[in-house]
Amino acid sequence: MSLLPNNFETLKRRAKQGIMPLLTPHLLKLRINTYAPYIGAGIKIEHINLDQGLCVVSMGLNALNKNIVGTQFGGSLYSMVDPFYMLMLMHQLGSSYVVWDKSSHIDFVAPGNSKVTARMKIPSSEIITIQELTKEGKAAFREYQVDIVDDQQKTVATVTKTLYIRLRKHSKSKDQSIRIDTSDIA
């Protein structure tokens, strides 16, 4: 009797993979750049290299992302950096790890009156640190900070994200999966 649910789950997983195949980095960039909330806010991935742990995202100032005083809307500023640390870590750590966003904080420093850019980078030394911290099965909570800058390289906002990372075999989130093919990096 217990074989039926396991077989059913396997069938569901295979069907989902057939319908929504693994995303290559090129397709991931295309998919995110055509994600409706990102189109509406004018958010665009300029560069993404998951193997190098690098993502550069920009957002021009337009009628759809201006706030009531004519500057960059804070929600759009946060949205432009929201998923990328999680995506990069999931890719770099591989399927043996579970990665979740735990918390975030945004500090608005100056009004955004022009195009803004965020450059997110995870150094290879950070991956080694995470592996060391989690090898005994404990969760690691890692904090990442990114500045969102304007055309003059002046900081408009600083976002701090805390991520939960744990070896999958010790996590309750065993079903979390990533849909990025690691064999074809752009």
N, C-alpha and C. Protein backbone atom coordinates (compact mmCIF):
# COMPACT_ATOMS: atom_id res chain seq x y z
N MET A 1 0.83 -1.20 0.00
CA MET A 1 0.00 0.00 0.00
C MET A 1 0.86 1.25 0.00
N SER A 2 2.01 1.23 0.66
CA SER A 2 2.86 2.42 0.70
C SER A 2 3.59 2.65 -0.62
N LEU A 3 3.59 1.65 -1.52
CA LEU A 3 4.26 1.82 -2.81
C LEU A 3 3.47 2.75 -3.73
N LEU A 4 2.18 2.74 -3.64
CA LEU A 4 1.35 3.56 -4.50
C LEU A 4 1.63 5.06 -4.35
N PRO A 5 1.65 5.62 -3.14
CA PRO A 5 1.98 7.05 -3.02
C PRO A 5 3.37 7.38 -3.55
N ASN A 6 4.36 6.53 -3.30
CA ASN A 6 5.71 6.79 -3.81
C ASN A 6 5.72 6.78 -5.33
N ASN A 7 5.05 5.80 -5.93
CA ASN A 7 4.98 5.74 -7.40
C ASN A 7 4.22 6.93 -7.95
N PHE A 8 3.16 7.31 -7.28
CA PHE A 8 2.37 8.46 -7.71
C PHE A 8 3.21 9.74 -7.65
N GLU A 9 3.98 9.91 -6.57
CA GLU A 9 4.85 11.08 -6.45
C GLU A 9 5.91 11.10 -7.55
N THR A 10 6.46 9.94 -7.86
CA THR A 10 7.45 9.85 -8.94
C THR A 10 6.81 10.22 -10.27
N LEU A 11 5.61 9.72 -10.52
CA LEU A 11 4.90 10.06 -11.76
C LEU A 11 4.62 11.55 -11.85
N LYS A 12 4.18 12.13 -10.73
CA LYS A 12 3.91 13.57 -10.71
C LYS A 12 5.17 14.37 -11.02
N ARG A 13 6.30 13.98 -10.40
CA ARG A 13 7.56 14.68 -10.60
C ARG A 13 8.01 14.58 -12.06
N ARG A 14 7.91 13.40 -12.64
CA ARG A 14 8.30 13.21 -14.05
C ARG A 14 7.40 14.00 -14.99
N ALA A 15 6.11 14.04 -14.69
CA ALA A 15 5.18 14.81 -15.52
C ALA A 15 5.50 16.29 -15.46
N LYS A 16 5.80 16.78 -14.27
CA LYS A 16 6.15 18.19 -14.09
C LYS A 16 7.42 18.52 -14.87
N GLN A 17 8.41 17.63 -14.83
CA GLN A 17 9.65 17.86 -15.57
C GLN A 17 9.41 17.87 -17.07
N GLY A 18 8.48 17.04 -17.53
CA GLY A 18 8.16 17.02 -18.96
C GLY A 18 7.46 18.28 -19.41
N ILE A 19 6.59 18.79 -18.55
CA ILE A 19 5.85 20.01 -18.87
C ILE A 19 6.74 21.23 -18.72
N MET A 20 7.54 21.26 -17.68
CA MET A 20 8.40 22.41 -17.39
C MET A 20 9.84 21.92 -17.31
N PRO A 21 10.50 21.78 -18.47
CA PRO A 21 11.84 21.21 -18.47
C PRO A 21 12.84 22.10 -17.74
N LEU A 22 14.01 21.53 -17.46
CA LEU A 22 15.07 22.29 -16.80
C LEU A 22 15.40 23.54 -17.60
N LEU A 23 15.67 24.60 -16.91
CA LEU A 23 15.99 25.87 -17.55
C LEU A 23 17.50 26.02 -17.70
N THR A 24 17.95 26.25 -18.90
CA THR A 24 19.35 26.59 -19.10
C THR A 24 19.51 28.04 -18.64
N PRO A 25 20.73 28.48 -18.38
CA PRO A 25 20.90 29.88 -17.97
C PRO A 25 20.30 30.89 -18.96
N HIS A 26 20.43 30.60 -20.25
CA HIS A 26 19.85 31.50 -21.26
C HIS A 26 18.32 31.55 -21.11
N LEU A 27 17.70 30.38 -20.95
CA LEU A 27 16.25 30.34 -20.78
C LEU A 27 15.82 30.94 -19.44
N LEU A 28 16.63 30.75 -18.41
CA LEU A 28 16.33 31.36 -17.12
C LEU A 28 16.31 32.89 -17.25
N LYS A 29 17.32 33.44 -17.90
CA LYS A 29 17.38 34.90 -18.10
C LYS A 29 16.17 35.37 -18.90
N LEU A 30 15.84 34.64 -19.96
CA LEU A 30 14.69 35.00 -20.79
C LEU A 30 13.40 34.91 -19.97
N ARG A 31 13.27 33.85 -19.20
CA ARG A 31 12.04 33.68 -18.41
C ARG A 31 11.89 34.78 -17.36
N ILE A 32 12.96 35.11 -16.66
CA ILE A 32 12.87 36.17 -15.65
C ILE A 32 12.63 37.52 -16.31
N ASN A 33 13.30 37.77 -17.43
CA ASN A 33 13.11 39.05 -18.12
C ASN A 33 11.73 39.19 -18.73
N THR A 34 10.99 38.08 -18.87
CA THR A 34 9.62 38.14 -19.40
C THR A 34 8.58 37.85 -18.32
N TYR A 35 9.00 37.82 -17.07
CA TYR A 35 8.11 37.64 -15.93
C TYR A 35 7.29 38.93 -15.78
N ALA A 36 5.97 38.80 -15.80
CA ALA A 36 5.08 39.98 -15.86
C ALA A 36 5.39 41.06 -14.82
N PRO A 37 5.59 40.73 -13.54
CA PRO A 37 5.91 41.80 -12.58
C PRO A 37 7.22 42.51 -12.91
N TYR A 38 8.18 41.79 -13.49
CA TYR A 38 9.46 42.42 -13.84
C TYR A 38 9.30 43.30 -15.08
N ILE A 39 8.49 42.86 -16.03
CA ILE A 39 8.22 43.70 -17.21
C ILE A 39 7.55 44.99 -16.77
N GLY A 40 6.52 44.87 -15.93
CA GLY A 40 5.79 46.04 -15.45
C GLY A 40 6.67 47.02 -14.70
N ALA A 41 7.60 46.51 -13.92
CA ALA A 41 8.49 47.37 -13.14
C ALA A 41 9.68 47.85 -13.96
N GLY A 42 9.89 47.25 -15.12
CA GLY A 42 11.05 47.63 -15.94
C GLY A 42 12.34 46.99 -15.46
N ILE A 43 12.24 45.89 -14.73
CA ILE A 43 13.42 45.19 -14.20
C ILE A 43 13.98 44.27 -15.29
N LYS A 44 15.30 44.30 -15.45
CA LYS A 44 15.93 43.48 -16.48
C LYS A 44 17.24 42.89 -15.96
N ILE A 45 17.43 41.59 -16.22
CA ILE A 45 18.72 40.97 -15.92
C ILE A 45 19.68 41.39 -17.03
N GLU A 46 20.74 42.07 -16.63
CA GLU A 46 21.75 42.49 -17.59
C GLU A 46 22.76 41.36 -17.83
N HIS A 47 23.11 40.67 -16.74
CA HIS A 47 24.11 39.59 -16.84
C HIS A 47 23.83 38.58 -15.73
N ILE A 48 23.92 37.30 -16.07
CA ILE A 48 23.81 36.27 -15.05
C ILE A 48 24.79 35.14 -15.40
N ASN A 49 25.59 34.76 -14.42
CA ASN A 49 26.50 33.64 -14.55
C ASN A 49 26.43 32.87 -13.23
N LEU A 50 25.63 31.82 -13.24
CA LEU A 50 25.38 31.08 -12.01
C LEU A 50 26.63 30.37 -11.51
N ASP A 51 27.47 29.89 -12.42
CA ASP A 51 28.70 29.22 -11.99
C ASP A 51 29.64 30.18 -11.26
N GLN A 52 29.68 31.42 -11.70
CA GLN A 52 30.53 32.42 -11.07
C GLN A 52 29.83 33.12 -9.91
N GLY A 53 28.55 32.82 -9.70
CA GLY A 53 27.80 33.45 -8.61
C GLY A 53 27.65 34.94 -8.83
N LEU A 54 27.32 35.34 -10.05
CA LEU A 54 27.22 36.76 -10.39
C LEU A 54 25.91 37.05 -11.10
N CYS A 55 25.25 38.11 -10.67
CA CYS A 55 24.02 38.55 -11.32
C CYS A 55 23.97 40.08 -11.26
N VAL A 56 23.72 40.70 -12.41
CA VAL A 56 23.58 42.15 -12.49
C VAL A 56 22.18 42.44 -13.03
N VAL A 57 21.43 43.22 -12.27
CA VAL A 57 20.04 43.53 -12.60
C VAL A 57 19.88 45.04 -12.62
N SER A 58 19.10 45.54 -13.59
CA SER A 58 18.87 46.98 -13.67
C SER A 58 17.38 47.29 -13.79
N MET A 59 17.05 48.55 -13.54
CA MET A 59 15.68 49.01 -13.67
C MET A 59 15.69 50.49 -14.02
N GLY A 60 15.14 50.79 -15.18
CA GLY A 60 15.00 52.19 -15.57
C GLY A 60 13.83 52.81 -14.84
N LEU A 61 13.81 54.12 -14.78
CA LEU A 61 12.69 54.84 -14.17
C LEU A 61 11.64 55.07 -15.24
N ASN A 62 10.42 54.57 -15.00
CA ASN A 62 9.35 54.75 -15.98
C ASN A 62 8.02 54.99 -15.27
N ALA A 63 7.00 55.24 -16.04
CA ALA A 63 5.69 55.57 -15.48
C ALA A 63 5.11 54.45 -14.61
N LEU A 64 5.49 53.21 -14.88
CA LEU A 64 4.95 52.09 -14.13
C LEU A 64 5.67 51.80 -12.82
N ASN A 65 6.88 52.36 -12.62
CA ASN A 65 7.58 52.10 -11.36
C ASN A 65 7.90 53.37 -10.57
N LYS A 66 7.29 54.49 -10.96
CA LYS A 66 7.45 55.72 -10.18
C LYS A 66 6.47 55.71 -9.01
N ASN A 67 6.94 56.21 -7.89
CA ASN A 67 6.04 56.35 -6.74
C ASN A 67 5.33 57.71 -6.82
N ILE A 68 4.63 58.08 -5.80
CA ILE A 68 3.81 59.30 -5.82
C ILE A 68 4.64 60.58 -5.95
N VAL A 69 5.93 60.53 -5.58
CA VAL A 69 6.77 61.71 -5.70
C VAL A 69 7.71 61.64 -6.92
N GLY A 70 7.48 60.64 -7.79
CA GLY A 70 8.21 60.58 -9.06
C GLY A 70 9.57 59.90 -9.00
N THR A 71 9.86 59.17 -7.94
CA THR A 71 11.13 58.44 -7.85
C THR A 71 10.86 56.94 -7.88
N GLN A 72 11.92 56.14 -7.89
CA GLN A 72 11.78 54.68 -7.96
C GLN A 72 10.91 54.18 -6.80
N PHE A 73 9.93 53.36 -7.10
CA PHE A 73 9.05 52.75 -6.11
C PHE A 73 9.84 51.73 -5.30
N GLY A 74 9.74 51.80 -3.98
CA GLY A 74 10.51 50.93 -3.08
C GLY A 74 10.27 49.45 -3.30
N GLY A 75 9.03 49.07 -3.58
CA GLY A 75 8.73 47.66 -3.83
C GLY A 75 9.44 47.14 -5.06
N SER A 76 9.56 47.97 -6.08
CA SER A 76 10.28 47.58 -7.30
C SER A 76 11.77 47.49 -7.02
N LEU A 77 12.30 48.39 -6.20
CA LEU A 77 13.72 48.33 -5.83
C LEU A 77 14.02 47.00 -5.13
N TYR A 78 13.15 46.61 -4.22
CA TYR A 78 13.37 45.33 -3.54
C TYR A 78 13.21 44.15 -4.51
N SER A 79 12.18 44.20 -5.34
CA SER A 79 11.91 43.10 -6.27
C SER A 79 13.09 42.80 -7.19
N MET A 80 13.83 43.84 -7.53
CA MET A 80 14.93 43.61 -8.48
C MET A 80 16.05 42.76 -7.91
N VAL A 81 16.12 42.59 -6.59
CA VAL A 81 17.17 41.75 -6.00
C VAL A 81 16.62 40.52 -5.28
N ASP A 82 15.32 40.42 -5.15
CA ASP A 82 14.70 39.40 -4.31
C ASP A 82 15.15 37.96 -4.56
N PRO A 83 15.03 37.39 -5.75
CA PRO A 83 15.26 35.94 -5.87
C PRO A 83 16.70 35.51 -6.13
N PHE A 84 17.59 36.43 -6.40
CA PHE A 84 18.86 36.05 -7.03
C PHE A 84 19.88 35.38 -6.11
N TYR A 85 19.98 35.78 -4.86
CA TYR A 85 20.91 35.09 -3.98
C TYR A 85 20.48 33.63 -3.79
N MET A 86 19.19 33.43 -3.64
CA MET A 86 18.68 32.07 -3.49
C MET A 86 18.98 31.24 -4.74
N LEU A 87 18.69 31.79 -5.91
CA LEU A 87 18.96 31.07 -7.16
C LEU A 87 20.44 30.73 -7.33
N MET A 88 21.30 31.70 -7.05
CA MET A 88 22.74 31.46 -7.22
C MET A 88 23.24 30.40 -6.25
N LEU A 89 22.78 30.46 -5.00
CA LEU A 89 23.22 29.46 -4.02
C LEU A 89 22.68 28.08 -4.35
N MET A 90 21.43 28.00 -4.77
CA MET A 90 20.87 26.70 -5.15
C MET A 90 21.69 26.08 -6.27
N HIS A 91 22.08 26.90 -7.21
CA HIS A 91 22.88 26.39 -8.33
C HIS A 91 24.28 25.96 -7.87
N GLN A 92 24.94 26.83 -7.13
CA GLN A 92 26.32 26.55 -6.74
C GLN A 92 26.44 25.40 -5.74
N LEU A 93 25.49 25.27 -4.84
CA LEU A 93 25.55 24.21 -3.84
C LEU A 93 25.04 22.87 -4.38
N GLY A 94 24.16 22.91 -5.35
CA GLY A 94 23.64 21.69 -5.95
C GLY A 94 22.47 21.11 -5.20
N SER A 95 22.01 19.97 -5.69
CA SER A 95 20.78 19.36 -5.18
C SER A 95 20.91 18.74 -3.79
N SER A 96 22.11 18.68 -3.25
CA SER A 96 22.28 18.14 -1.89
C SER A 96 21.86 19.14 -0.82
N TYR A 97 21.58 20.37 -1.21
CA TYR A 97 21.26 21.43 -0.25
C TYR A 97 19.87 22.01 -0.51
N VAL A 98 19.27 22.49 0.57
CA VAL A 98 18.03 23.24 0.51
C VAL A 98 18.38 24.68 0.86
N VAL A 99 17.87 25.61 0.07
CA VAL A 99 18.13 27.03 0.29
C VAL A 99 16.80 27.77 0.28
N TRP A 100 16.54 28.56 1.32
CA TRP A 100 15.32 29.36 1.41
C TRP A 100 15.67 30.78 1.83
N ASP A 101 14.90 31.73 1.33
CA ASP A 101 14.98 33.09 1.87
C ASP A 101 14.39 33.05 3.27
N LYS A 102 15.07 33.63 4.23
CA LYS A 102 14.60 33.67 5.62
C LYS A 102 14.02 35.04 5.96
N SER A 103 14.79 36.09 5.65
CA SER A 103 14.32 37.44 5.93
C SER A 103 15.05 38.43 5.04
N SER A 104 14.52 39.63 5.00
CA SER A 104 15.18 40.70 4.26
C SER A 104 14.85 42.04 4.88
N HIS A 105 15.71 42.98 4.55
CA HIS A 105 15.55 44.34 5.04
C HIS A 105 16.05 45.27 3.95
N ILE A 106 15.32 46.34 3.72
CA ILE A 106 15.77 47.33 2.74
C ILE A 106 15.89 48.68 3.44
N ASP A 107 17.02 49.31 3.20
CA ASP A 107 17.28 50.64 3.75
C ASP A 107 17.31 51.61 2.59
N PHE A 108 16.35 52.53 2.55
CA PHE A 108 16.30 53.52 1.49
C PHE A 108 17.24 54.66 1.85
N VAL A 109 18.25 54.87 1.01
CA VAL A 109 19.31 55.83 1.30
C VAL A 109 19.07 57.16 0.61
N ALA A 110 18.67 57.12 -0.66
CA ALA A 110 18.45 58.35 -1.44
C ALA A 110 17.38 58.07 -2.48
N PRO A 111 16.72 59.10 -2.97
CA PRO A 111 15.71 58.87 -4.01
C PRO A 111 16.34 58.35 -5.30
N GLY A 112 15.67 57.43 -5.93
CA GLY A 112 16.12 56.92 -7.23
C GLY A 112 15.49 57.74 -8.34
N ASN A 113 16.28 58.60 -8.96
CA ASN A 113 15.77 59.50 -10.00
C ASN A 113 16.18 59.08 -11.40
N SER A 114 16.85 57.93 -11.53
CA SER A 114 17.34 57.48 -12.84
C SER A 114 17.35 55.95 -12.85
N LYS A 115 17.96 55.40 -13.88
CA LYS A 115 18.14 53.95 -13.94
C LYS A 115 18.98 53.52 -12.73
N VAL A 116 18.60 52.38 -12.13
CA VAL A 116 19.35 51.84 -10.99
C VAL A 116 19.84 50.44 -11.34
N THR A 117 20.93 50.05 -10.69
CA THR A 117 21.55 48.75 -10.95
C THR A 117 21.96 48.10 -9.64
N ALA A 118 21.84 46.78 -9.58
CA ALA A 118 22.31 46.00 -8.44
C ALA A 118 23.24 44.91 -8.97
N ARG A 119 24.39 44.79 -8.34
CA ARG A 119 25.37 43.76 -8.72
C ARG A 119 25.51 42.80 -7.54
N MET A 120 25.03 41.58 -7.72
CA MET A 120 25.06 40.58 -6.66
C MET A 120 26.13 39.55 -6.98
N LYS A 121 26.98 39.25 -6.00
CA LYS A 121 28.10 38.33 -6.20
C LYS A 121 28.24 37.43 -4.98
N ILE A 122 28.42 36.15 -5.24
CA ILE A 122 28.72 35.19 -4.17
C ILE A 122 30.09 34.61 -4.48
N PRO A 123 31.09 34.96 -3.67
CA PRO A 123 32.44 34.44 -3.94
C PRO A 123 32.54 32.94 -3.67
N SER A 124 33.46 32.28 -4.34
CA SER A 124 33.63 30.84 -4.17
C SER A 124 34.00 30.49 -2.72
N SER A 125 34.67 31.39 -2.03
CA SER A 125 35.01 31.15 -0.63
C SER A 125 33.76 31.02 0.24
N GLU A 126 32.69 31.69 -0.15
CA GLU A 126 31.43 31.61 0.60
C GLU A 126 30.83 30.20 0.47
N ILE A 127 30.95 29.60 -0.67
CA ILE A 127 30.43 28.25 -0.87
C ILE A 127 31.18 27.27 0.04
N ILE A 128 32.49 27.42 0.13
CA ILE A 128 33.30 26.57 1.02
C ILE A 128 32.89 26.78 2.47
N THR A 129 32.66 28.02 2.86
CA THR A 129 32.22 28.33 4.23
C THR A 129 30.88 27.66 4.53
N ILE A 130 29.94 27.76 3.61
CA ILE A 130 28.62 27.15 3.80
C ILE A 130 28.74 25.64 3.94
N GLN A 131 29.53 25.03 3.09
CA GLN A 131 29.71 23.57 3.15
C GLN A 131 30.30 23.16 4.50
N GLU A 132 31.23 23.94 5.00
CA GLU A 132 31.85 23.65 6.30
C GLU A 132 30.82 23.81 7.44
N LEU A 133 30.04 24.88 7.38
CA LEU A 133 29.06 25.16 8.44
C LEU A 133 27.94 24.12 8.49
N THR A 134 27.61 23.53 7.35
CA THR A 134 26.45 22.63 7.27
C THR A 134 26.82 21.14 7.25
N LYS A 135 28.08 20.82 7.25
CA LYS A 135 28.48 19.42 7.06
C LYS A 135 27.98 18.48 8.16
N GLU A 136 27.74 18.98 9.35
CA GLU A 136 27.24 18.14 10.45
C GLU A 136 25.71 18.09 10.48
N GLY A 137 25.06 18.69 9.50
CA GLY A 137 23.60 18.65 9.42
C GLY A 137 22.89 19.85 9.98
N LYS A 138 23.63 20.79 10.54
CA LYS A 138 23.00 21.99 11.10
C LYS A 138 22.66 22.98 9.98
N ALA A 139 21.69 23.81 10.24
CA ALA A 139 21.32 24.87 9.30
C ALA A 139 22.31 26.02 9.43
N ALA A 140 22.57 26.66 8.32
CA ALA A 140 23.39 27.89 8.32
C ALA A 140 22.48 29.03 7.89
N PHE A 141 22.62 30.15 8.57
CA PHE A 141 21.90 31.36 8.20
C PHE A 141 22.95 32.36 7.74
N ARG A 142 22.94 32.67 6.44
CA ARG A 142 23.96 33.54 5.87
C ARG A 142 23.32 34.85 5.42
N GLU A 143 24.04 35.93 5.66
CA GLU A 143 23.53 37.26 5.35
C GLU A 143 24.29 37.83 4.15
N TYR A 144 23.55 38.41 3.22
CA TYR A 144 24.13 39.02 2.02
C TYR A 144 23.59 40.43 1.88
N GLN A 145 24.46 41.32 1.50
CA GLN A 145 24.07 42.73 1.36
C GLN A 145 24.40 43.18 -0.05
N VAL A 146 23.48 43.93 -0.64
CA VAL A 146 23.70 44.46 -1.98
C VAL A 146 23.23 45.92 -2.01
N ASP A 147 24.06 46.75 -2.63
CA ASP A 147 23.69 48.15 -2.84
C ASP A 147 23.04 48.29 -4.20
N ILE A 148 21.96 49.04 -4.24
CA ILE A 148 21.32 49.42 -5.50
C ILE A 148 21.78 50.84 -5.77
N VAL A 149 22.44 51.04 -6.91
CA VAL A 149 23.06 52.34 -7.21
C VAL A 149 22.41 52.96 -8.44
N ASP A 150 22.50 54.30 -8.52
CA ASP A 150 21.97 55.00 -9.68
C ASP A 150 23.04 55.15 -10.76
N ASP A 151 22.74 55.94 -11.79
CA ASP A 151 23.68 56.14 -12.90
C ASP A 151 25.00 56.77 -12.48
N GLN A 152 24.99 57.49 -11.36
CA GLN A 152 26.20 58.15 -10.85
C GLN A 152 26.93 57.30 -9.81
N GLN A 153 26.50 56.04 -9.67
CA GLN A 153 27.06 55.10 -8.67
C GLN A 153 26.78 55.52 -7.23
N LYS A 154 25.77 56.36 -7.05
CA LYS A 154 25.33 56.77 -5.73
C LYS A 154 24.33 55.74 -5.20
N THR A 155 24.49 55.31 -3.96
CA THR A 155 23.61 54.30 -3.38
C THR A 155 22.21 54.87 -3.17
N VAL A 156 21.24 54.18 -3.73
CA VAL A 156 19.83 54.53 -3.60
C VAL A 156 19.21 53.72 -2.46
N ALA A 157 19.57 52.44 -2.39
CA ALA A 157 19.04 51.56 -1.34
C ALA A 157 20.04 50.43 -1.08
N THR A 158 20.00 49.91 0.12
CA THR A 158 20.81 48.75 0.49
C THR A 158 19.86 47.67 0.96
N VAL A 159 19.97 46.50 0.35
CA VAL A 159 19.13 45.36 0.73
C VAL A 159 20.00 44.34 1.44
N THR A 160 19.52 43.86 2.58
CA THR A 160 20.18 42.79 3.32
C THR A 160 19.24 41.60 3.33
N LYS A 161 19.75 40.46 2.88
CA LYS A 161 18.95 39.24 2.82
C LYS A 161 19.61 38.18 3.70
N THR A 162 18.80 37.45 4.44
CA THR A 162 19.28 36.32 5.22
C THR A 162 18.70 35.06 4.61
N LEU A 163 19.58 34.09 4.31
CA LEU A 163 19.15 32.84 3.71
C LEU A 163 19.41 31.67 4.65
N TYR A 164 18.49 30.72 4.62
CA TYR A 164 18.58 29.47 5.37
C TYR A 164 19.17 28.44 4.42
N ILE A 165 20.20 27.73 4.84
CA ILE A 165 20.86 26.73 4.01
C ILE A 165 21.11 25.49 4.86
N ARG A 166 20.77 24.34 4.30
CA ARG A 166 20.96 23.09 5.05
C ARG A 166 21.11 21.93 4.08
N LEU A 167 21.85 20.93 4.49
CA LEU A 167 21.92 19.71 3.70
C LEU A 167 20.52 19.11 3.59
N ARG A 168 20.15 18.73 2.40
CA ARG A 168 18.80 18.23 2.14
C ARG A 168 18.43 17.05 3.04
N LYS A 169 19.36 16.16 3.26
CA LYS A 169 19.04 14.97 4.05
C LYS A 169 18.69 15.29 5.51
N HIS A 170 19.01 16.49 5.96
CA HIS A 170 18.68 16.92 7.33
C HIS A 170 17.55 17.94 7.36
N SER A 171 16.96 18.22 6.21
CA SER A 171 15.94 19.26 6.12
C SER A 171 14.53 18.67 6.02
N LYS A 172 13.56 19.42 6.46
CA LYS A 172 12.16 19.03 6.28
C LYS A 172 11.67 19.43 4.89
N SER A 173 12.48 20.18 4.15
CA SER A 173 12.11 20.68 2.82
C SER A 173 12.75 19.82 1.73
N LYS A 174 12.64 18.54 1.84
CA LYS A 174 13.31 17.63 0.91
C LYS A 174 12.81 17.77 -0.53
N ASP A 175 11.59 18.26 -0.72
CA ASP A 175 11.02 18.34 -2.06
C ASP A 175 11.40 19.60 -2.83
N GLN A 176 12.08 20.54 -2.18
CA GLN A 176 12.48 21.75 -2.90
C GLN A 176 13.40 21.35 -4.04
N SER A 177 13.16 21.89 -5.21
CA SER A 177 14.03 21.57 -6.35
C SER A 177 14.27 22.82 -7.17
N ILE A 178 15.34 22.78 -7.93
CA ILE A 178 15.67 23.88 -8.82
C ILE A 178 15.48 23.40 -10.24
N ARG A 179 15.05 24.27 -11.09
CA ARG A 179 14.75 23.91 -12.47
C ARG A 179 15.78 24.50 -13.42
N ILE A 180 17.03 24.51 -13.01
CA ILE A 180 18.09 25.08 -13.84
C ILE A 180 19.06 23.97 -14.23
N ASP A 181 19.32 23.87 -15.52
CA ASP A 181 20.26 22.89 -16.03
C ASP A 181 21.66 23.44 -15.85
N THR A 182 22.50 22.75 -15.13
CA THR A 182 23.84 23.24 -14.85
C THR A 182 24.85 22.89 -15.94
N SER A 183 24.41 22.17 -16.96
CA SER A 183 25.37 21.72 -17.97
C SER A 183 25.59 22.75 -19.08
N ASP A 184 24.74 23.76 -19.18
CA ASP A 184 24.84 24.72 -20.28
C ASP A 184 24.87 26.14 -19.74
N ILE A 185 25.99 26.55 -19.21
CA ILE A 185 26.11 27.87 -18.61
C ILE A 185 26.46 28.90 -19.68
N ALA A 186 25.72 29.99 -19.68
CA ALA A 186 25.94 31.06 -20.67
C ALA A 186 27.12 31.92 -20.31
